Amino acid sequence: MGVLDGRVAIITGAGRGIGREHALLFAREGASVVVNDLGGTNSGEGADEGPAHDVVAEITAAGGRAVANTDNVADWDGARALVQQAIDEFGRLDVLINNAGILRDAFIAGMDESQWDSVIAVHLKGHFAMLRHAAAYWKDQSKAGNQPLAAVVNTASGSGVTLANAGQANYGAAKAAIAALTQIAAEELERYGVRVNAIAPIARTRLTLATPGMGTLMGEPEEGEHDLFSPANIAPLVAYLATEKCPITGAVYAVQGGAISRLRGWHDVATIETDGAWEIDDIATRLPEMHR
């Protein structure tokens, strides 16, 4: 008996890295998995059906249940088709793991429109498109008297959530927006029996290794040492958040190695007030004091 027995899950970007580890663990824990991966490059170019089908083959060889999907989650109809495939193949949808992503790093002064648009499309629109079509299905189920016990786990990042990473204005903005989307969706979808949480993972993947300096930081461990940067460290938290019995919604967690931290968004750290209308000179005098 696995903790996800009988659950049907879609996992996007599941052909490699963190998403692959999610898919393998979900299958071992009894879930039926739709393994989505367009199979593009780090920057989202091209397509390759191999990664998704390879993960499916690995799952089925071990006795699990999985099917492949190579739709682009940033495409509205592709996202709809992915949700429908889960329902057609396995009869239902219980879990959505939004994990697909790309990188097109550049400093703001040199970033072109396509670098901005493509990253926002895959991360932010891709999360929303999948969430929207899954939410519509769960809403219909709830109204029909089949109250779901559904779960969504989105993928944010320390870039944009806890750090201002130079060279990642597009990626950081998308990831910060995903954290906000998570909390809004948690409020909206609770009435339909849907919980929505997010993770901000740190792990060794082809995307992180492509970021300057990260290859050295996240190198392979010495023989016998625990691999703190293995993407397999991320999957157990996601699996728990996807279980029927998990009560948590609206949370964002940083997860790395053996550490899980709950994150909290923008909040007051200092305040200045006036009894009347603000004067610019007064603000000029007092505002800098808030930063000391």
C-alpha atoms as a PDB file:
ATOM      1  CA  MET A   1       0.000   0.000   0.000  1.00  0.00           C
ATOM      2  CA  GLY A   2       1.432   3.347  -1.059  1.00  0.00           C
ATOM      3  CA  VAL A   3       0.409   6.742   0.251  1.00  0.00           C
ATOM      4  CA  LEU A   4      -0.845   7.663  -3.228  1.00  0.00           C
ATOM      5  CA  ASP A   5      -2.729   4.453  -4.042  1.00  0.00           C
ATOM      6  CA  GLY A   6      -5.597   5.155  -6.413  1.00  0.00           C
ATOM      7  CA  ARG A   7      -4.549   8.749  -7.081  1.00  0.00           C
ATOM      8  CA  VAL A   8      -4.213  10.004 -10.659  1.00  0.00           C
ATOM      9  CA  ALA A   9      -1.530  12.642 -11.137  1.00  0.00           C
ATOM     10  CA  ILE A  10      -0.301  14.861 -13.932  1.00  0.00           C
ATOM     11  CA  ILE A  11       3.343  15.891 -13.553  1.00  0.00           C
ATOM     12  CA  THR A  12       4.637  18.461 -16.038  1.00  0.00           C
ATOM     13  CA  GLY A  13       8.288  18.653 -17.002  1.00  0.00           C
ATOM     14  CA  ALA A  14       8.631  15.078 -15.760  1.00  0.00           C
ATOM     15  CA  GLY A  15      11.099  13.780 -18.328  1.00  0.00           C
ATOM     16  CA  ARG A  16      14.184  14.890 -16.444  1.00  0.00           C
ATOM     17  CA  GLY A  17      15.457  16.294 -13.156  1.00  0.00           C
ATOM     18  CA  ILE A  18      13.052  17.129 -10.352  1.00  0.00           C
ATOM     19  CA  GLY A  19       9.948  16.232 -12.363  1.00  0.00           C
ATOM     20  CA  ARG A  20      11.329  12.790 -13.199  1.00  0.00           C
ATOM     21  CA  GLU A  21      11.943  12.088  -9.510  1.00  0.00           C
ATOM     22  CA  HIS A  22       8.375  13.180  -8.733  1.00  0.00           C
ATOM     23  CA  ALA A  23       7.014  10.779 -11.355  1.00  0.00           C
ATOM     24  CA  LEU A  24       9.084   7.817 -10.180  1.00  0.00           C
ATOM     25  CA  LEU A  25       8.177   8.308  -6.521  1.00  0.00           C
ATOM     26  CA  PHE A  26       4.483   8.897  -7.256  1.00  0.00           C
ATOM     27  CA  ALA A  27       4.365   5.661  -9.228  1.00  0.00           C
ATOM     28  CA  ARG A  28       6.148   3.733  -6.476  1.00  0.00           C
ATOM     29  CA  GLU A  29       3.589   5.090  -4.011  1.00  0.00           C
ATOM     30  CA  GLY A  30       0.710   3.779  -6.118  1.00  0.00           C
ATOM     31  CA  ALA A  31      -0.333   6.748  -8.256  1.00  0.00           C
ATOM     32  CA  SER A  32      -1.194   6.504 -11.932  1.00  0.00           C
ATOM     33  CA  VAL A  33       0.937   9.158 -13.616  1.00  0.00           C
ATOM     34  CA  VAL A  34       0.663  11.218 -16.771  1.00  0.00           C
ATOM     35  CA  VAL A  35       4.300  12.059 -17.518  1.00  0.00           C
ATOM     36  CA  ASN A  36       4.365  15.336 -19.429  1.00  0.00           C
ATOM     37  CA  ASP A  37       7.495  16.667 -21.097  1.00  0.00           C
ATOM     38  CA  LEU A  38       7.835  18.604 -24.345  1.00  0.00           C
ATOM     39  CA  GLY A  39      11.459  17.514 -24.483  1.00  0.00           C
ATOM     40  CA  GLY A  40      12.868  20.909 -25.402  1.00  0.00           C
ATOM     41  CA  THR A  41      16.262  22.359 -24.614  1.00  0.00           C
ATOM     42  CA  ASN A  42      17.058  24.357 -21.464  1.00  0.00           C
ATOM     43  CA  SER A  43      15.858  27.452 -23.287  1.00  0.00           C
ATOM     44  CA  GLY A  44      12.651  25.788 -24.471  1.00  0.00           C
ATOM     45  CA  GLU A  45      13.640  25.251 -28.081  1.00  0.00           C
ATOM     46  CA  GLY A  46      12.814  22.129 -30.057  1.00  0.00           C
ATOM     47  CA  ALA A  47      10.964  19.031 -28.919  1.00  0.00           C
ATOM     48  CA  ASP A  48      11.818  15.416 -28.177  1.00  0.00           C
ATOM     49  CA  GLU A  49       9.343  12.702 -27.234  1.00  0.00           C
ATOM     50  CA  GLY A  50      12.116  10.576 -25.740  1.00  0.00           C
ATOM     51  CA  PRO A  51      12.341  11.894 -22.169  1.00  0.00           C
ATOM     52  CA  ALA A  52       8.627  11.463 -21.360  1.00  0.00           C
ATOM     53  CA  HIS A  53       8.474   7.996 -22.913  1.00  0.00           C
ATOM     54  CA  ASP A  54      11.695   6.929 -21.174  1.00  0.00           C
ATOM     55  CA  VAL A  55      10.226   7.766 -17.758  1.00  0.00           C
ATOM     56  CA  VAL A  56       7.002   5.953 -18.609  1.00  0.00           C
ATOM     57  CA  ALA A  57       9.011   2.887 -19.650  1.00  0.00           C
ATOM     58  CA  GLU A  58      10.916   2.990 -16.360  1.00  0.00           C
ATOM     59  CA  ILE A  59       7.678   3.200 -14.374  1.00  0.00           C
ATOM     60  CA  THR A  60       5.882   0.431 -16.259  1.00  0.00           C
ATOM     61  CA  ALA A  61       8.941  -1.847 -16.100  1.00  0.00           C
ATOM     62  CA  ALA A  62       8.726  -1.564 -12.319  1.00  0.00           C
ATOM     63  CA  GLY A  63       5.037  -2.482 -12.359  1.00  0.00           C
ATOM     64  CA  GLY A  64       3.599   1.022 -12.163  1.00  0.00           C
ATOM     65  CA  ARG A  65       0.996   2.786 -14.289  1.00  0.00           C
ATOM     66  CA  ALA A  66       1.952   5.729 -16.486  1.00  0.00           C
ATOM     67  CA  VAL A  67       1.351   7.294 -19.879  1.00  0.00           C
ATOM     68  CA  ALA A  68       3.375   9.883 -21.759  1.00  0.00           C
ATOM     69  CA  ASN A  69       2.322  13.326 -22.927  1.00  0.00           C
ATOM     70  CA  THR A  70       4.428  15.753 -24.941  1.00  0.00           C
ATOM     71  CA  ASP A  71       2.091  18.764 -25.117  1.00  0.00           C
ATOM     72  CA  ASN A  72       3.391  22.264 -24.457  1.00  0.00           C
ATOM     73  CA  VAL A  73       1.868  23.460 -21.172  1.00  0.00           C
ATOM     74  CA  ALA A  74       2.156  27.076 -22.347  1.00  0.00           C
ATOM     75  CA  ASP A  75      -0.310  26.275 -25.129  1.00  0.00           C
ATOM     76  CA  TRP A  76      -3.928  26.716 -23.972  1.00  0.00           C
ATOM     77  CA  ASP A  77      -5.275  23.795 -25.989  1.00  0.00           C
ATOM     78  CA  GLY A  78      -2.265  21.665 -25.111  1.00  0.00           C
ATOM     79  CA  ALA A  79      -2.923  22.180 -21.410  1.00  0.00           C
ATOM     80  CA  ARG A  80      -6.593  21.302 -21.896  1.00  0.00           C
ATOM     81  CA  ALA A  81      -5.643  18.147 -23.806  1.00  0.00           C
ATOM     82  CA  LEU A  82      -3.239  17.099 -21.060  1.00  0.00           C
ATOM     83  CA  VAL A  83      -5.951  17.324 -18.405  1.00  0.00           C
ATOM     84  CA  GLN A  84      -8.357  15.434 -20.651  1.00  0.00           C
ATOM     85  CA  GLN A  85      -5.785  12.711 -21.302  1.00  0.00           C
ATOM     86  CA  ALA A  86      -5.534  11.965 -17.577  1.00  0.00           C
ATOM     87  CA  ILE A  87      -9.322  11.662 -17.361  1.00  0.00           C
ATOM     88  CA  ASP A  88      -9.576   9.527 -20.509  1.00  0.00           C
ATOM     89  CA  GLU A  89      -6.701   7.205 -19.555  1.00  0.00           C
ATOM     90  CA  PHE A  90      -7.369   6.756 -15.854  1.00  0.00           C
ATOM     91  CA  GLY A  91     -10.955   7.922 -15.345  1.00  0.00           C
ATOM     92  CA  ARG A  92     -10.219  10.896 -13.120  1.00  0.00           C
ATOM     93  CA  LEU A  93      -7.689  13.513 -12.034  1.00  0.00           C
ATOM     94  CA  ASP A  94      -6.662  13.983  -8.400  1.00  0.00           C
ATOM     95  CA  VAL A  95      -3.275  15.700  -8.475  1.00  0.00           C
ATOM     96  CA  LEU A  96      -1.570  18.335 -10.612  1.00  0.00           C
ATOM     97  CA  ILE A  97       2.154  18.938 -10.188  1.00  0.00           C
ATOM     98  CA  ASN A  98       3.267  22.008 -12.157  1.00  0.00           C
ATOM     99  CA  ASN A  99       6.995  21.611 -12.670  1.00  0.00           C
ATOM    100  CA  ALA A 100       7.848  22.417 -16.316  1.00  0.00           C
ATOM    101  CA  GLY A 101      10.226  25.309 -16.838  1.00  0.00           C
ATOM    102  CA  ILE A 102      12.974  26.834 -18.961  1.00  0.00           C
ATOM    103  CA  LEU A 103      15.726  29.426 -18.573  1.00  0.00           C
ATOM    104  CA  ARG A 104      16.698  32.322 -20.827  1.00  0.00           C
ATOM    105  CA  ASP A 105      18.883  34.375 -18.537  1.00  0.00           C
ATOM    106  CA  ALA A 106      19.990  37.885 -19.482  1.00  0.00           C
ATOM    107  CA  PHE A 107      20.536  41.211 -17.782  1.00  0.00           C
ATOM    108  CA  ILE A 108      17.612  43.613 -18.139  1.00  0.00           C
ATOM    109  CA  ALA A 109      19.443  46.099 -20.359  1.00  0.00           C
ATOM    110  CA  GLY A 110      20.195  43.356 -22.872  1.00  0.00           C
ATOM    111  CA  MET A 111      17.155  41.092 -22.543  1.00  0.00           C
ATOM    112  CA  ASP A 112      15.069  40.890 -25.689  1.00  0.00           C
ATOM    113  CA  GLU A 113      11.317  40.463 -25.938  1.00  0.00           C
ATOM    114  CA  SER A 114      11.467  36.770 -26.820  1.00  0.00           C
ATOM    115  CA  GLN A 115      13.608  35.990 -23.770  1.00  0.00           C
ATOM    116  CA  TRP A 116      11.028  37.638 -21.527  1.00  0.00           C
ATOM    117  CA  ASP A 117       7.939  36.260 -23.255  1.00  0.00           C
ATOM    118  CA  SER A 118       9.120  32.664 -23.532  1.00  0.00           C
ATOM    119  CA  VAL A 119      10.032  32.315 -19.846  1.00  0.00           C
ATOM    120  CA  ILE A 120       6.825  33.982 -18.674  1.00  0.00           C
ATOM    121  CA  ALA A 121       4.860  31.736 -21.045  1.00  0.00           C
ATOM    122  CA  VAL A 122       6.293  28.407 -19.893  1.00  0.00           C
ATOM    123  CA  HIS A 123       6.418  29.177 -16.181  1.00  0.00           C
ATOM    124  CA  LEU A 124       3.560  31.539 -15.403  1.00  0.00           C
ATOM    125  CA  LYS A 125       1.130  30.901 -18.249  1.00  0.00           C
ATOM    126  CA  GLY A 126       1.988  27.190 -18.158  1.00  0.00           C
ATOM    127  CA  HIS A 127       1.123  27.004 -14.459  1.00  0.00           C
ATOM    128  CA  PHE A 128      -2.074  28.972 -14.975  1.00  0.00           C
ATOM    129  CA  ALA A 129      -3.237  27.086 -18.077  1.00  0.00           C
ATOM    130  CA  MET A 130      -2.841  23.731 -16.357  1.00  0.00           C
ATOM    131  CA  LEU A 131      -4.420  25.015 -13.157  1.00  0.00           C
ATOM    132  CA  ARG A 132      -7.351  26.564 -14.995  1.00  0.00           C
ATOM    133  CA  HIS A 133      -8.309  23.417 -16.923  1.00  0.00           C
ATOM    134  CA  ALA A 134      -7.827  21.150 -13.895  1.00  0.00           C
ATOM    135  CA  ALA A 135      -9.836  23.548 -11.721  1.00  0.00           C
ATOM    136  CA  ALA A 136     -12.707  23.563 -14.210  1.00  0.00           C
ATOM    137  CA  TYR A 137     -12.825  19.760 -14.055  1.00  0.00           C
ATOM    138  CA  TRP A 138     -12.789  19.735 -10.247  1.00  0.00           C
ATOM    139  CA  LYS A 139     -15.454  22.448 -10.084  1.00  0.00           C
ATOM    140  CA  ASP A 140     -17.718  20.383 -12.325  1.00  0.00           C
ATOM    141  CA  GLN A 141     -17.080  17.297 -10.196  1.00  0.00           C
ATOM    142  CA  SER A 142     -17.937  19.187  -7.028  1.00  0.00           C
ATOM    143  CA  LYS A 143     -21.157  20.592  -8.483  1.00  0.00           C
ATOM    144  CA  ALA A 144     -22.138  17.098  -9.618  1.00  0.00           C
ATOM    145  CA  GLY A 145     -21.832  15.841  -6.038  1.00  0.00           C
ATOM    146  CA  ASN A 146     -18.469  14.103  -6.510  1.00  0.00           C
ATOM    147  CA  GLN A 147     -16.504  16.284  -4.106  1.00  0.00           C
ATOM    148  CA  PRO A 148     -12.802  16.016  -4.987  1.00  0.00           C
ATOM    149  CA  LEU A 149      -9.956  15.518  -2.558  1.00  0.00           C
ATOM    150  CA  ALA A 150      -7.578  17.098  -5.021  1.00  0.00           C
ATOM    151  CA  ALA A 151      -4.143  18.656  -4.693  1.00  0.00           C
ATOM    152  CA  VAL A 152      -1.996  21.025  -6.725  1.00  0.00           C
ATOM    153  CA  VAL A 153       1.699  21.619  -6.119  1.00  0.00           C
ATOM    154  CA  ASN A 154       3.246  24.502  -8.037  1.00  0.00           C
ATOM    155  CA  THR A 155       6.956  25.145  -8.484  1.00  0.00           C
ATOM    156  CA  ALA A 156       8.254  28.533  -7.417  1.00  0.00           C
ATOM    157  CA  SER A 157      11.932  29.290  -6.800  1.00  0.00           C
ATOM    158  CA  GLY A 158      14.219  31.082  -4.418  1.00  0.00           C
ATOM    159  CA  SER A 159      14.906  33.354  -7.386  1.00  0.00           C
ATOM    160  CA  GLY A 160      12.128  35.898  -7.050  1.00  0.00           C
ATOM    161  CA  VAL A 161      10.737  34.540  -3.792  1.00  0.00           C
ATOM    162  CA  THR A 162      13.661  34.875  -1.374  1.00  0.00           C
ATOM    163  CA  LEU A 163      16.449  36.207  -3.616  1.00  0.00           C
ATOM    164  CA  ALA A 164      16.861  38.899  -6.235  1.00  0.00           C
ATOM    165  CA  ASN A 165      18.991  36.966  -8.726  1.00  0.00           C
ATOM    166  CA  ALA A 166      20.764  39.272 -11.195  1.00  0.00           C
ATOM    167  CA  GLY A 167      20.278  38.062 -14.747  1.00  0.00           C
ATOM    168  CA  GLN A 168      16.954  36.365 -14.004  1.00  0.00           C
ATOM    169  CA  ALA A 169      14.378  39.148 -14.194  1.00  0.00           C
ATOM    170  CA  ASN A 170      12.110  36.989 -16.374  1.00  0.00           C
ATOM    171  CA  TYR A 171      12.513  33.798 -14.335  1.00  0.00           C
ATOM    172  CA  GLY A 172      12.370  35.516 -10.934  1.00  0.00           C
ATOM    173  CA  ALA A 173       9.290  37.537 -11.867  1.00  0.00           C
ATOM    174  CA  ALA A 174       7.509  34.395 -13.073  1.00  0.00           C
ATOM    175  CA  LYS A 175       8.422  32.444  -9.944  1.00  0.00           C
ATOM    176  CA  ALA A 176       7.319  35.237  -7.593  1.00  0.00           C
ATOM    177  CA  ALA A 177       4.031  35.392  -9.506  1.00  0.00           C
ATOM    178  CA  ILE A 178       3.600  31.630  -9.154  1.00  0.00           C
ATOM    179  CA  ALA A 179       3.893  31.956  -5.366  1.00  0.00           C
ATOM    180  CA  ALA A 180       1.130  34.582  -5.412  1.00  0.00           C
ATOM    181  CA  LEU A 181      -0.963  32.495  -7.812  1.00  0.00           C
ATOM    182  CA  THR A 182      -0.656  29.578  -5.408  1.00  0.00           C
ATOM    183  CA  GLN A 183      -2.117  31.499  -2.500  1.00  0.00           C
ATOM    184  CA  ILE A 184      -4.946  32.974  -4.581  1.00  0.00           C
ATOM    185  CA  ALA A 185      -5.802  29.564  -6.034  1.00  0.00           C
ATOM    186  CA  ALA A 186      -5.820  28.058  -2.539  1.00  0.00           C
ATOM    187  CA  GLU A 187      -8.451  30.596  -1.503  1.00  0.00           C
ATOM    188  CA  GLU A 188     -10.585  30.110  -4.609  1.00  0.00           C
ATOM    189  CA  LEU A 189     -10.483  26.344  -4.976  1.00  0.00           C
ATOM    190  CA  GLU A 190     -10.892  25.213  -1.380  1.00  0.00           C
ATOM    191  CA  ARG A 191     -14.689  25.220  -1.853  1.00  0.00           C
ATOM    192  CA  TYR A 192     -14.280  22.574  -4.573  1.00  0.00           C
ATOM    193  CA  GLY A 193     -12.140  20.297  -2.424  1.00  0.00           C
ATOM    194  CA  VAL A 194      -8.816  21.377  -3.916  1.00  0.00           C
ATOM    195  CA  ARG A 195      -5.678  22.239  -1.936  1.00  0.00           C
ATOM    196  CA  VAL A 196      -2.944  24.311  -3.593  1.00  0.00           C
ATOM    197  CA  ASN A 197       0.629  24.616  -2.327  1.00  0.00           C
ATOM    198  CA  ALA A 198       4.017  25.453  -3.816  1.00  0.00           C
ATOM    199  CA  ILE A 199       7.644  24.507  -3.402  1.00  0.00           C
ATOM    200  CA  ALA A 200      10.818  26.511  -4.022  1.00  0.00           C
ATOM    201  CA  PRO A 201      13.349  23.709  -4.576  1.00  0.00           C
ATOM    202  CA  ILE A 202      17.123  23.730  -4.775  1.00  0.00           C
ATOM    203  CA  ALA A 203      18.588  20.717  -6.568  1.00  0.00           C
ATOM    204  CA  ARG A 204      21.063  19.659  -9.217  1.00  0.00           C
ATOM    205  CA  THR A 205      19.271  19.779 -12.554  1.00  0.00           C
ATOM    206  CA  ARG A 206      20.238  20.690 -16.098  1.00  0.00           C
ATOM    207  CA  LEU A 207      18.754  24.150 -15.508  1.00  0.00           C
ATOM    208  CA  THR A 208      20.656  24.863 -12.296  1.00  0.00           C
ATOM    209  CA  LEU A 209      23.879  23.447 -13.750  1.00  0.00           C
ATOM    210  CA  ALA A 210      23.498  25.846 -16.672  1.00  0.00           C
ATOM    211  CA  THR A 211      23.492  28.810 -14.273  1.00  0.00           C
ATOM    212  CA  PRO A 212      27.016  30.288 -13.880  1.00  0.00           C
ATOM    213  CA  GLY A 213      28.671  29.181 -10.646  1.00  0.00           C
ATOM    214  CA  MET A 214      26.049  26.601  -9.744  1.00  0.00           C
ATOM    215  CA  GLY A 215      27.938  23.687 -11.233  1.00  0.00           C
ATOM    216  CA  THR A 216      30.710  24.081  -8.690  1.00  0.00           C
ATOM    217  CA  LEU A 217      28.292  24.623  -5.802  1.00  0.00           C
ATOM    218  CA  MET A 218      26.143  21.625  -6.691  1.00  0.00           C
ATOM    219  CA  GLY A 219      28.854  19.183  -7.706  1.00  0.00           C
ATOM    220  CA  GLU A 220      28.531  15.441  -7.188  1.00  0.00           C
ATOM    221  CA  PRO A 221      29.225  14.364  -3.573  1.00  0.00           C
ATOM    222  CA  GLU A 222      32.180  12.296  -2.498  1.00  0.00           C
ATOM    223  CA  GLU A 223      31.586   8.546  -2.388  1.00  0.00           C
ATOM    224  CA  GLY A 224      29.565   7.639   0.702  1.00  0.00           C
ATOM    225  CA  GLU A 225      28.367  11.192   1.342  1.00  0.00           C
ATOM    226  CA  HIS A 226      24.692  12.127   1.297  1.00  0.00           C
ATOM    227  CA  ASP A 227      23.850  13.964  -1.903  1.00  0.00           C
ATOM    228  CA  LEU A 228      22.299  17.193  -0.618  1.00  0.00           C
ATOM    229  CA  PHE A 229      21.569  18.441  -4.125  1.00  0.00           C
ATOM    230  CA  SER A 230      19.964  15.332  -5.565  1.00  0.00           C
ATOM    231  CA  PRO A 231      16.568  16.113  -7.135  1.00  0.00           C
ATOM    232  CA  ALA A 232      15.278  12.994  -5.354  1.00  0.00           C
ATOM    233  CA  ASN A 233      15.341  15.011  -2.107  1.00  0.00           C
ATOM    234  CA  ILE A 234      12.457  17.161  -3.362  1.00  0.00           C
ATOM    235  CA  ALA A 235       9.918  14.479  -4.262  1.00  0.00           C
ATOM    236  CA  PRO A 236       8.892  13.230  -0.776  1.00  0.00           C
ATOM    237  CA  LEU A 237       7.508  16.646   0.250  1.00  0.00           C
ATOM    238  CA  VAL A 238       5.569  16.892  -2.999  1.00  0.00           C
ATOM    239  CA  ALA A 239       4.216  13.364  -2.524  1.00  0.00           C
ATOM    240  CA  TYR A 240       2.984  14.218   0.969  1.00  0.00           C
ATOM    241  CA  LEU A 241       1.314  17.418  -0.227  1.00  0.00           C
ATOM    242  CA  ALA A 242      -0.464  15.304  -2.876  1.00  0.00           C
ATOM    243  CA  THR A 243      -1.954  12.789  -0.433  1.00  0.00           C
ATOM    244  CA  GLU A 244      -5.663  12.755   0.422  1.00  0.00           C
ATOM    245  CA  LYS A 245      -4.992  13.215   4.136  1.00  0.00           C
ATOM    246  CA  CYS A 246      -2.709  16.264   3.924  1.00  0.00           C
ATOM    247  CA  PRO A 247      -4.632  19.212   5.444  1.00  0.00           C
ATOM    248  CA  ILE A 248      -2.313  22.000   4.239  1.00  0.00           C
ATOM    249  CA  THR A 249      -3.195  24.597   1.628  1.00  0.00           C
ATOM    250  CA  GLY A 250      -1.838  27.989   0.588  1.00  0.00           C
ATOM    251  CA  ALA A 251       1.709  27.286   1.766  1.00  0.00           C
ATOM    252  CA  VAL A 252       5.040  27.852   0.019  1.00  0.00           C
ATOM    253  CA  TYR A 253       7.999  25.734   1.106  1.00  0.00           C
ATOM    254  CA  ALA A 254      11.707  26.014   0.380  1.00  0.00           C
ATOM    255  CA  VAL A 255      13.139  22.507   0.132  1.00  0.00           C
ATOM    256  CA  GLN A 256      16.745  21.432  -0.234  1.00  0.00           C
ATOM    257  CA  GLY A 257      18.602  18.341   0.915  1.00  0.00           C
ATOM    258  CA  GLY A 258      17.362  17.549   4.401  1.00  0.00           C
ATOM    259  CA  ALA A 259      15.726  20.932   5.057  1.00  0.00           C
ATOM    260  CA  ILE A 260      12.135  22.093   4.526  1.00  0.00           C
ATOM    261  CA  SER A 261      11.320  25.719   5.387  1.00  0.00           C
ATOM    262  CA  ARG A 262       7.944  27.417   5.272  1.00  0.00           C
ATOM    263  CA  LEU A 263       8.169  30.766   3.495  1.00  0.00           C
ATOM    264  CA  ARG A 264       6.089  33.863   4.127  1.00  0.00           C
ATOM    265  CA  GLY A 265       5.663  36.634   1.567  1.00  0.00           C
ATOM    266  CA  TRP A 266       5.834  40.407   1.695  1.00  0.00           C
ATOM    267  CA  HIS A 267       5.075  41.761   5.162  1.00  0.00           C
ATOM    268  CA  ASP A 268       5.603  44.993   7.092  1.00  0.00           C
ATOM    269  CA  VAL A 269       9.051  45.443   8.561  1.00  0.00           C
ATOM    270  CA  ALA A 270       8.823  49.155   9.393  1.00  0.00           C
ATOM    271  CA  THR A 271       6.191  51.900   9.163  1.00  0.00           C
ATOM    272  CA  ILE A 272       6.104  55.684   9.244  1.00  0.00           C
ATOM    273  CA  GLU A 273       2.868  57.608   9.759  1.00  0.00           C
ATOM    274  CA  THR A 274       1.514  61.138   9.660  1.00  0.00           C
ATOM    275  CA  ASP A 275      -1.585  62.730  11.180  1.00  0.00           C
ATOM    276  CA  GLY A 276      -2.266  64.874   8.128  1.00  0.00           C
ATOM    277  CA  ALA A 277      -1.316  64.981   4.457  1.00  0.00           C
ATOM    278  CA  TRP A 278       2.158  63.802   3.568  1.00  0.00           C
ATOM    279  CA  GLU A 279       4.769  66.429   2.715  1.00  0.00           C
ATOM    280  CA  ILE A 280       7.577  65.377   0.380  1.00  0.00           C
ATOM    281  CA  ASP A 281      10.226  66.879   2.660  1.00  0.00           C
ATOM    282  CA  ASP A 282       8.851  64.908   5.607  1.00  0.00           C
ATOM    283  CA  ILE A 283       9.023  61.681   3.617  1.00  0.00           C
ATOM    284  CA  ALA A 284      12.548  62.530   2.483  1.00  0.00           C
ATOM    285  CA  THR A 285      13.611  62.924   6.091  1.00  0.00           C
ATOM    286  CA  ARG A 286      11.860  59.925   7.593  1.00  0.00           C
ATOM    287  CA  LEU A 287      11.785  57.246   4.875  1.00  0.00           C
ATOM    288  CA  PRO A 288      15.547  56.551   4.907  1.00  0.00           C
ATOM    289  CA  GLU A 289      15.285  55.848   8.646  1.00  0.00           C
ATOM    290  CA  MET A 290      13.224  52.734   7.820  1.00  0.00           C
ATOM    291  CA  HIS A 291      16.229  51.217   6.058  1.00  0.00           C
ATOM    292  CA  ARG A 292      18.738  51.572   8.883  1.00  0.00           C
END
